[in-house]
């Protein structure tokens, strides 16, 4: 089994801030970022020449739904985390159900828990992250934004 530092993560995200946050989370968890791509077309081209150990994909990128990308990941036996806030499980193409679903927004430790689960390195999951099943990690309903006035 490859050590975490040698496992590469492909990130498919069209929101630059979220992509940067994912890159940081992946690096802090001692994985390696293979590439960050914001379109389905570019991802399909990348996958013709490259591979990754795991992918994190949003269901919808700037050029449309990632159905063909997800099908390619399945065909290449690349496990993936579906990281999306735009759709529910009932609204997606069945190919996305072959991935681990992580609803946006999610805390960094939830992203890491999902990656560790797919990498076979679950023994290193933060105790707080292991309270939820990585296959259906949902946002914390008690987490609310609050504003205060002085």
N, C-alpha and C. Protein backbone atom coordinates (compact mmCIF):
# COMPACT_ATOMS: atom_id res chain seq x y z
N UNK A 1 0.84 -1.17 0.00
CA UNK A 1 0.00 0.00 0.00
C UNK A 1 0.89 1.24 0.00
N UNK A 2 0.53 2.21 -0.82
CA UNK A 2 1.27 3.47 -0.88
C UNK A 2 1.05 4.28 0.38
N UNK A 3 2.11 4.93 0.87
CA UNK A 3 1.95 5.87 1.97
C UNK A 3 1.14 7.05 1.47
N UNK A 4 0.44 7.68 2.37
CA UNK A 4 -0.43 8.79 2.02
C UNK A 4 0.27 9.84 1.17
N UNK A 5 1.53 10.15 1.45
CA UNK A 5 2.25 11.19 0.70
C UNK A 5 2.42 10.84 -0.77
N UNK A 6 2.31 9.57 -1.08
CA UNK A 6 2.48 9.14 -2.46
C UNK A 6 1.14 8.99 -3.19
N UNK A 7 0.04 9.12 -2.47
CA UNK A 7 -1.28 9.00 -3.10
C UNK A 7 -1.67 10.35 -3.70
N UNK A 8 -2.05 10.31 -4.95
CA UNK A 8 -2.37 11.54 -5.67
C UNK A 8 -3.88 11.75 -5.73
N UNK A 9 -4.27 13.00 -5.55
CA UNK A 9 -5.68 13.36 -5.55
C UNK A 9 -5.94 14.33 -6.71
N UNK A 10 -6.87 13.97 -7.57
CA UNK A 10 -7.31 14.83 -8.66
C UNK A 10 -8.50 15.64 -8.15
N UNK A 11 -8.43 16.95 -8.28
CA UNK A 11 -9.50 17.83 -7.80
C UNK A 11 -10.21 18.45 -8.99
N UNK A 12 -11.52 18.24 -9.06
CA UNK A 12 -12.34 18.81 -10.13
C UNK A 12 -13.32 19.78 -9.49
N UNK A 13 -12.99 21.05 -9.58
CA UNK A 13 -13.77 22.09 -8.92
C UNK A 13 -13.66 23.38 -9.72
N UNK A 14 -14.81 24.03 -9.99
CA UNK A 14 -14.77 25.27 -10.77
C UNK A 14 -14.84 26.53 -9.93
N UNK A 15 -15.00 26.41 -8.63
CA UNK A 15 -14.96 27.57 -7.74
C UNK A 15 -13.54 27.67 -7.19
N UNK A 16 -12.86 28.75 -7.54
CA UNK A 16 -11.43 28.90 -7.19
C UNK A 16 -11.18 28.86 -5.69
N UNK A 17 -12.04 29.46 -4.90
CA UNK A 17 -11.83 29.48 -3.45
C UNK A 17 -11.97 28.07 -2.88
N UNK A 18 -12.97 27.34 -3.32
CA UNK A 18 -13.14 25.97 -2.85
C UNK A 18 -11.97 25.11 -3.30
N UNK A 19 -11.52 25.30 -4.54
CA UNK A 19 -10.37 24.53 -5.05
C UNK A 19 -9.12 24.80 -4.21
N UNK A 20 -8.87 26.05 -3.87
CA UNK A 20 -7.72 26.39 -3.04
C UNK A 20 -7.83 25.75 -1.65
N UNK A 21 -9.02 25.78 -1.09
CA UNK A 21 -9.24 25.17 0.22
C UNK A 21 -9.01 23.66 0.16
N UNK A 22 -9.49 23.02 -0.91
CA UNK A 22 -9.27 21.58 -1.07
C UNK A 22 -7.79 21.27 -1.22
N UNK A 23 -7.08 22.07 -2.01
CA UNK A 23 -5.63 21.87 -2.16
C UNK A 23 -4.92 21.93 -0.81
N UNK A 24 -5.28 22.93 -0.01
CA UNK A 24 -4.68 23.09 1.31
C UNK A 24 -5.02 21.90 2.21
N UNK A 25 -6.27 21.49 2.21
CA UNK A 25 -6.70 20.34 3.02
C UNK A 25 -5.96 19.08 2.61
N UNK A 26 -5.83 18.85 1.33
CA UNK A 26 -5.14 17.66 0.82
C UNK A 26 -3.67 17.68 1.24
N UNK A 27 -3.03 18.83 1.10
CA UNK A 27 -1.61 18.95 1.47
C UNK A 27 -1.41 18.74 2.97
N UNK A 28 -2.28 19.34 3.79
CA UNK A 28 -2.16 19.18 5.24
C UNK A 28 -2.39 17.73 5.68
N UNK A 29 -3.17 16.99 4.90
CA UNK A 29 -3.42 15.58 5.21
C UNK A 29 -2.33 14.67 4.64
N UNK A 30 -1.31 15.27 4.04
CA UNK A 30 -0.15 14.58 3.50
C UNK A 30 -0.45 13.71 2.28
N UNK A 31 -1.47 14.14 1.51
CA UNK A 31 -1.69 13.57 0.18
C UNK A 31 -1.01 14.51 -0.81
N UNK A 32 -0.95 14.09 -2.07
CA UNK A 32 -0.35 14.90 -3.12
C UNK A 32 -1.45 15.30 -4.11
N UNK A 33 -1.51 16.58 -4.46
CA UNK A 33 -2.47 17.05 -5.45
C UNK A 33 -1.93 16.72 -6.83
N UNK A 34 -2.65 15.89 -7.57
CA UNK A 34 -2.23 15.52 -8.93
C UNK A 34 -2.49 16.67 -9.88
N UNK A 35 -3.67 17.27 -9.77
CA UNK A 35 -4.04 18.40 -10.62
C UNK A 35 -5.35 18.97 -10.09
N UNK A 36 -5.58 20.24 -10.40
CA UNK A 36 -6.86 20.89 -10.11
C UNK A 36 -7.40 21.35 -11.46
N UNK A 37 -8.60 20.89 -11.79
CA UNK A 37 -9.17 21.16 -13.12
C UNK A 37 -10.60 21.67 -12.95
N UNK A 38 -10.99 22.65 -13.77
CA UNK A 38 -12.30 23.28 -13.60
C UNK A 38 -13.30 22.97 -14.72
N UNK A 39 -12.95 22.09 -15.65
CA UNK A 39 -13.90 21.74 -16.71
C UNK A 39 -13.85 20.24 -17.00
N UNK A 40 -14.98 19.74 -17.48
CA UNK A 40 -15.08 18.32 -17.83
C UNK A 40 -14.16 18.00 -19.02
N UNK A 41 -14.17 18.86 -20.02
CA UNK A 41 -13.36 18.61 -21.22
C UNK A 41 -11.87 18.52 -20.87
N UNK A 42 -11.38 19.46 -20.06
CA UNK A 42 -9.97 19.42 -19.66
C UNK A 42 -9.66 18.18 -18.82
N UNK A 43 -10.62 17.78 -17.99
CA UNK A 43 -10.42 16.58 -17.17
C UNK A 43 -10.31 15.34 -18.03
N UNK A 44 -11.18 15.20 -19.01
CA UNK A 44 -11.14 14.03 -19.89
C UNK A 44 -9.81 13.98 -20.65
N UNK A 45 -9.32 15.13 -21.09
CA UNK A 45 -8.00 15.17 -21.76
C UNK A 45 -6.90 14.77 -20.79
N UNK A 46 -6.95 15.29 -19.56
CA UNK A 46 -5.95 14.97 -18.54
C UNK A 46 -5.94 13.47 -18.25
N UNK A 47 -7.13 12.89 -18.15
CA UNK A 47 -7.23 11.46 -17.83
C UNK A 47 -6.74 10.56 -18.96
N UNK A 48 -6.64 11.07 -20.18
CA UNK A 48 -6.08 10.29 -21.29
C UNK A 48 -4.58 10.06 -21.11
N UNK A 49 -3.91 11.00 -20.44
CA UNK A 49 -2.46 10.94 -20.28
C UNK A 49 -1.99 10.69 -18.85
N UNK A 50 -2.91 10.81 -17.89
CA UNK A 50 -2.53 10.76 -16.48
C UNK A 50 -3.51 9.90 -15.69
N UNK A 51 -3.15 9.68 -14.44
CA UNK A 51 -4.06 9.00 -13.53
C UNK A 51 -3.89 9.59 -12.15
N UNK A 52 -4.78 9.23 -11.27
CA UNK A 52 -4.72 9.64 -9.87
C UNK A 52 -5.18 8.46 -9.03
N UNK A 53 -4.84 8.49 -7.76
CA UNK A 53 -5.29 7.43 -6.86
C UNK A 53 -6.73 7.63 -6.42
N UNK A 54 -7.12 8.90 -6.28
CA UNK A 54 -8.47 9.27 -5.84
C UNK A 54 -8.82 10.58 -6.54
N UNK A 55 -10.11 10.81 -6.77
CA UNK A 55 -10.55 12.09 -7.32
C UNK A 55 -11.62 12.69 -6.39
N UNK A 56 -11.64 14.01 -6.35
CA UNK A 56 -12.72 14.75 -5.70
C UNK A 56 -13.40 15.51 -6.83
N UNK A 57 -14.70 15.23 -7.05
CA UNK A 57 -15.37 15.86 -8.18
C UNK A 57 -16.65 16.57 -7.76
N UNK A 58 -16.88 17.71 -8.37
CA UNK A 58 -18.16 18.39 -8.25
C UNK A 58 -19.02 17.82 -9.39
N UNK A 59 -20.30 17.68 -9.16
CA UNK A 59 -21.20 17.12 -10.17
C UNK A 59 -21.28 18.02 -11.41
N UNK A 60 -21.18 19.31 -11.18
CA UNK A 60 -21.33 20.27 -12.28
C UNK A 60 -20.13 21.21 -12.31
N UNK A 61 -19.39 21.17 -13.41
CA UNK A 61 -18.26 22.08 -13.59
C UNK A 61 -18.67 23.18 -14.57
N UNK A 62 -17.73 24.05 -14.92
CA UNK A 62 -18.09 25.23 -15.73
C UNK A 62 -18.62 24.87 -17.11
N UNK A 63 -18.31 23.69 -17.62
CA UNK A 63 -18.82 23.31 -18.94
C UNK A 63 -19.92 22.25 -18.88
N UNK A 64 -20.49 22.03 -17.71
CA UNK A 64 -21.64 21.13 -17.61
C UNK A 64 -21.45 19.99 -16.64
N UNK A 65 -22.42 19.06 -16.65
CA UNK A 65 -22.38 17.91 -15.74
C UNK A 65 -21.19 16.99 -16.03
N UNK A 66 -20.68 16.36 -15.00
CA UNK A 66 -19.47 15.52 -15.09
C UNK A 66 -19.79 14.04 -15.25
N UNK A 67 -20.87 13.71 -15.91
CA UNK A 67 -21.26 12.31 -16.07
C UNK A 67 -20.17 11.51 -16.78
N UNK A 68 -19.68 12.01 -17.90
CA UNK A 68 -18.65 11.29 -18.66
C UNK A 68 -17.36 11.17 -17.85
N UNK A 69 -17.04 12.19 -17.08
CA UNK A 69 -15.85 12.13 -16.22
C UNK A 69 -16.02 11.03 -15.17
N UNK A 70 -17.17 11.00 -14.51
CA UNK A 70 -17.43 9.97 -13.50
C UNK A 70 -17.38 8.57 -14.13
N UNK A 71 -17.94 8.42 -15.32
CA UNK A 71 -17.90 7.13 -16.02
C UNK A 71 -16.45 6.72 -16.31
N UNK A 72 -15.63 7.69 -16.70
CA UNK A 72 -14.22 7.42 -16.98
C UNK A 72 -13.49 7.00 -15.71
N UNK A 73 -13.77 7.69 -14.60
CA UNK A 73 -13.15 7.32 -13.32
C UNK A 73 -13.52 5.90 -12.93
N UNK A 74 -14.78 5.55 -13.10
CA UNK A 74 -15.24 4.19 -12.79
C UNK A 74 -14.52 3.18 -13.69
N UNK A 75 -14.44 3.48 -14.99
CA UNK A 75 -13.79 2.58 -15.95
C UNK A 75 -12.31 2.38 -15.61
N UNK A 76 -11.67 3.44 -15.09
CA UNK A 76 -10.25 3.36 -14.74
C UNK A 76 -10.03 2.89 -13.30
N UNK A 77 -11.11 2.55 -12.61
CA UNK A 77 -11.06 2.10 -11.20
C UNK A 77 -10.42 3.14 -10.28
N UNK A 78 -10.73 4.40 -10.53
CA UNK A 78 -10.27 5.49 -9.66
C UNK A 78 -11.43 5.85 -8.74
N UNK A 79 -11.28 5.57 -7.45
CA UNK A 79 -12.37 5.92 -6.52
C UNK A 79 -12.51 7.44 -6.44
N UNK A 80 -13.73 7.89 -6.15
CA UNK A 80 -13.94 9.34 -6.12
C UNK A 80 -14.92 9.76 -5.04
N UNK A 81 -14.70 11.00 -4.60
CA UNK A 81 -15.60 11.68 -3.68
C UNK A 81 -16.40 12.66 -4.51
N UNK A 82 -17.72 12.59 -4.43
CA UNK A 82 -18.57 13.58 -5.07
C UNK A 82 -18.76 14.69 -4.05
N UNK A 83 -18.21 15.86 -4.34
CA UNK A 83 -18.23 16.99 -3.42
C UNK A 83 -19.07 18.08 -4.06
N UNK A 84 -20.35 18.12 -3.71
CA UNK A 84 -21.26 19.03 -4.39
C UNK A 84 -22.32 19.56 -3.43
N UNK A 85 -22.76 20.75 -3.69
CA UNK A 85 -23.84 21.34 -2.93
C UNK A 85 -25.02 21.71 -3.81
N UNK A 86 -24.90 21.41 -5.08
CA UNK A 86 -25.91 21.86 -6.04
C UNK A 86 -27.06 20.90 -6.24
N UNK A 87 -26.84 19.64 -5.96
CA UNK A 87 -27.87 18.64 -6.23
C UNK A 87 -27.96 17.66 -5.07
N UNK A 88 -29.04 16.91 -5.04
CA UNK A 88 -29.20 15.87 -4.03
C UNK A 88 -28.94 14.51 -4.69
N UNK A 89 -28.80 13.50 -3.87
CA UNK A 89 -28.54 12.15 -4.38
C UNK A 89 -29.63 11.69 -5.34
N UNK A 90 -30.86 12.09 -5.11
CA UNK A 90 -31.98 11.66 -5.95
C UNK A 90 -31.95 12.31 -7.33
N UNK A 91 -31.24 13.43 -7.48
CA UNK A 91 -31.24 14.18 -8.73
C UNK A 91 -30.07 13.87 -9.64
N UNK A 92 -29.16 13.01 -9.25
CA UNK A 92 -27.94 12.81 -10.02
C UNK A 92 -28.00 11.55 -10.87
N UNK A 93 -27.15 11.53 -11.88
CA UNK A 93 -26.99 10.35 -12.70
C UNK A 93 -26.49 9.22 -11.79
N UNK A 94 -26.96 8.00 -12.00
CA UNK A 94 -26.56 6.88 -11.14
C UNK A 94 -25.05 6.65 -11.05
N UNK A 95 -24.27 7.09 -12.03
CA UNK A 95 -22.82 6.88 -11.96
C UNK A 95 -22.22 7.59 -10.75
N UNK A 96 -22.82 8.72 -10.35
CA UNK A 96 -22.29 9.45 -9.19
C UNK A 96 -22.49 8.69 -7.88
N UNK A 97 -23.45 7.78 -7.87
CA UNK A 97 -23.70 6.99 -6.67
C UNK A 97 -22.61 5.95 -6.44
N UNK A 98 -21.72 5.77 -7.41
CA UNK A 98 -20.58 4.87 -7.25
C UNK A 98 -19.45 5.53 -6.47
N UNK A 99 -19.59 6.82 -6.21
CA UNK A 99 -18.61 7.55 -5.42
C UNK A 99 -19.08 7.74 -4.00
N UNK A 100 -18.20 8.29 -3.19
CA UNK A 100 -18.54 8.65 -1.82
C UNK A 100 -19.09 10.07 -1.85
N UNK A 101 -20.28 10.26 -1.32
CA UNK A 101 -20.95 11.55 -1.40
C UNK A 101 -20.57 12.42 -0.21
N UNK A 102 -20.14 13.64 -0.48
CA UNK A 102 -19.79 14.61 0.55
C UNK A 102 -20.48 15.92 0.21
N UNK A 103 -21.50 16.27 0.96
CA UNK A 103 -22.30 17.45 0.69
C UNK A 103 -21.55 18.72 1.08
N UNK A 104 -21.54 19.72 0.18
CA UNK A 104 -20.98 21.04 0.51
C UNK A 104 -22.00 21.80 1.34
N UNK A 105 -21.59 22.58 2.27
CA UNK A 105 -20.22 22.76 2.75
C UNK A 105 -19.85 21.61 3.69
N UNK A 106 -18.59 21.30 3.74
CA UNK A 106 -18.09 20.25 4.63
C UNK A 106 -16.80 20.75 5.28
N UNK A 107 -16.59 20.35 6.49
CA UNK A 107 -15.38 20.71 7.21
C UNK A 107 -14.20 19.95 6.63
N UNK A 108 -13.02 20.50 6.79
CA UNK A 108 -11.80 19.87 6.28
C UNK A 108 -11.65 18.44 6.79
N UNK A 109 -11.95 18.22 8.07
CA UNK A 109 -11.79 16.87 8.62
C UNK A 109 -12.74 15.87 7.96
N UNK A 110 -13.87 16.33 7.44
CA UNK A 110 -14.78 15.44 6.74
C UNK A 110 -14.22 15.06 5.36
N UNK A 111 -13.59 16.02 4.70
CA UNK A 111 -12.94 15.75 3.41
C UNK A 111 -11.82 14.74 3.62
N UNK A 112 -11.02 14.96 4.65
CA UNK A 112 -9.90 14.06 4.95
C UNK A 112 -10.43 12.66 5.29
N UNK A 113 -11.50 12.59 6.07
CA UNK A 113 -12.08 11.28 6.43
C UNK A 113 -12.51 10.51 5.18
N UNK A 114 -13.12 11.22 4.24
CA UNK A 114 -13.56 10.57 2.99
C UNK A 114 -12.35 10.07 2.19
N UNK A 115 -11.31 10.90 2.10
CA UNK A 115 -10.09 10.50 1.37
C UNK A 115 -9.41 9.31 2.04
N UNK A 116 -9.33 9.35 3.36
CA UNK A 116 -8.70 8.25 4.09
C UNK A 116 -9.48 6.95 3.89
N UNK A 117 -10.78 7.05 3.90
CA UNK A 117 -11.62 5.87 3.68
C UNK A 117 -11.35 5.25 2.31
N UNK A 118 -11.26 6.10 1.29
CA UNK A 118 -11.02 5.60 -0.06
C UNK A 118 -9.59 5.14 -0.27
N UNK A 119 -8.67 5.67 0.54
CA UNK A 119 -7.26 5.29 0.38
C UNK A 119 -6.90 4.05 1.18
N UNK A 120 -7.85 3.56 1.98
CA UNK A 120 -7.57 2.39 2.81
C UNK A 120 -6.77 2.74 4.05
N UNK A 121 -6.75 4.00 4.43
CA UNK A 121 -5.95 4.48 5.55
C UNK A 121 -6.85 5.03 6.65
N UNK A 122 -7.97 4.33 6.91
CA UNK A 122 -8.95 4.82 7.87
C UNK A 122 -8.44 4.87 9.30
N UNK A 123 -7.41 4.14 9.62
CA UNK A 123 -6.88 4.14 10.97
C UNK A 123 -6.35 5.48 11.40
N UNK A 124 -6.15 6.38 10.46
CA UNK A 124 -5.60 7.70 10.76
C UNK A 124 -6.65 8.79 10.82
N UNK A 125 -7.93 8.40 10.83
CA UNK A 125 -8.99 9.39 10.82
C UNK A 125 -9.07 10.07 12.18
N UNK A 126 -9.20 11.40 12.17
CA UNK A 126 -9.41 12.19 13.37
C UNK A 126 -10.66 11.67 14.08
N UNK A 127 -10.66 11.54 15.41
CA UNK A 127 -11.82 11.01 16.13
C UNK A 127 -13.11 11.76 15.82
N UNK A 128 -13.03 13.07 15.66
CA UNK A 128 -14.24 13.83 15.33
C UNK A 128 -14.74 13.51 13.93
N UNK A 129 -13.82 13.20 13.02
CA UNK A 129 -14.21 12.92 11.64
C UNK A 129 -14.87 11.56 11.53
N UNK A 130 -14.55 10.64 12.42
CA UNK A 130 -15.06 9.28 12.30
C UNK A 130 -16.47 9.13 12.86
N UNK A 131 -17.05 10.18 13.40
CA UNK A 131 -18.40 10.10 13.92
C UNK A 131 -19.44 9.94 12.83
N UNK A 132 -19.09 10.32 11.62
CA UNK A 132 -20.01 10.24 10.51
C UNK A 132 -19.45 9.29 9.46
N UNK A 133 -20.35 8.57 8.82
CA UNK A 133 -19.94 7.67 7.76
C UNK A 133 -19.45 8.47 6.56
N UNK A 134 -18.23 8.23 6.05
CA UNK A 134 -17.76 9.00 4.91
C UNK A 134 -18.58 8.79 3.64
N UNK A 135 -19.37 7.72 3.57
CA UNK A 135 -20.13 7.49 2.35
C UNK A 135 -21.30 8.45 2.22
N UNK A 136 -21.75 9.02 3.33
CA UNK A 136 -22.84 9.98 3.29
C UNK A 136 -22.57 11.07 4.32
N UNK A 137 -21.51 11.78 4.15
CA UNK A 137 -21.15 12.83 5.09
C UNK A 137 -21.96 14.07 4.74
N UNK A 138 -22.76 14.51 5.70
CA UNK A 138 -23.61 15.67 5.49
C UNK A 138 -23.17 16.81 6.38
N UNK A 139 -23.54 18.04 6.03
CA UNK A 139 -23.14 19.17 6.87
C UNK A 139 -23.76 19.07 8.25
N UNK A 140 -23.10 19.65 9.23
CA UNK A 140 -23.57 19.68 10.60
C UNK A 140 -24.76 20.63 10.69
N UNK A 141 -25.96 20.13 11.05
CA UNK A 141 -27.14 21.00 11.09
C UNK A 141 -27.06 22.06 12.18
N UNK A 142 -26.19 21.86 13.18
CA UNK A 142 -26.06 22.83 14.26
C UNK A 142 -25.09 23.95 13.90
N UNK A 143 -24.36 23.79 12.78
CA UNK A 143 -23.40 24.81 12.38
C UNK A 143 -24.15 25.92 11.66
N UNK A 144 -24.20 27.05 12.25
CA UNK A 144 -24.91 28.18 11.68
C UNK A 144 -23.99 29.39 11.67
N UNK A 145 -24.16 30.23 10.68
CA UNK A 145 -23.43 31.50 10.66
C UNK A 145 -24.19 32.46 11.56
N UNK A 146 -23.48 33.20 12.34
CA UNK A 146 -24.17 34.17 13.18
C UNK A 146 -23.48 35.52 13.03
N UNK A 147 -24.25 36.52 13.23
CA UNK A 147 -23.70 37.87 13.21
C UNK A 147 -24.03 38.50 14.54
N UNK A 148 -23.14 39.34 14.97
CA UNK A 148 -23.40 40.04 16.22
C UNK A 148 -23.13 41.50 16.00
N UNK A 149 -23.81 42.28 16.75
CA UNK A 149 -23.60 43.72 16.67
C UNK A 149 -23.05 44.18 17.99
N UNK A 150 -22.12 45.09 17.96
CA UNK A 150 -21.49 45.57 19.19
C UNK A 150 -22.20 46.77 19.73
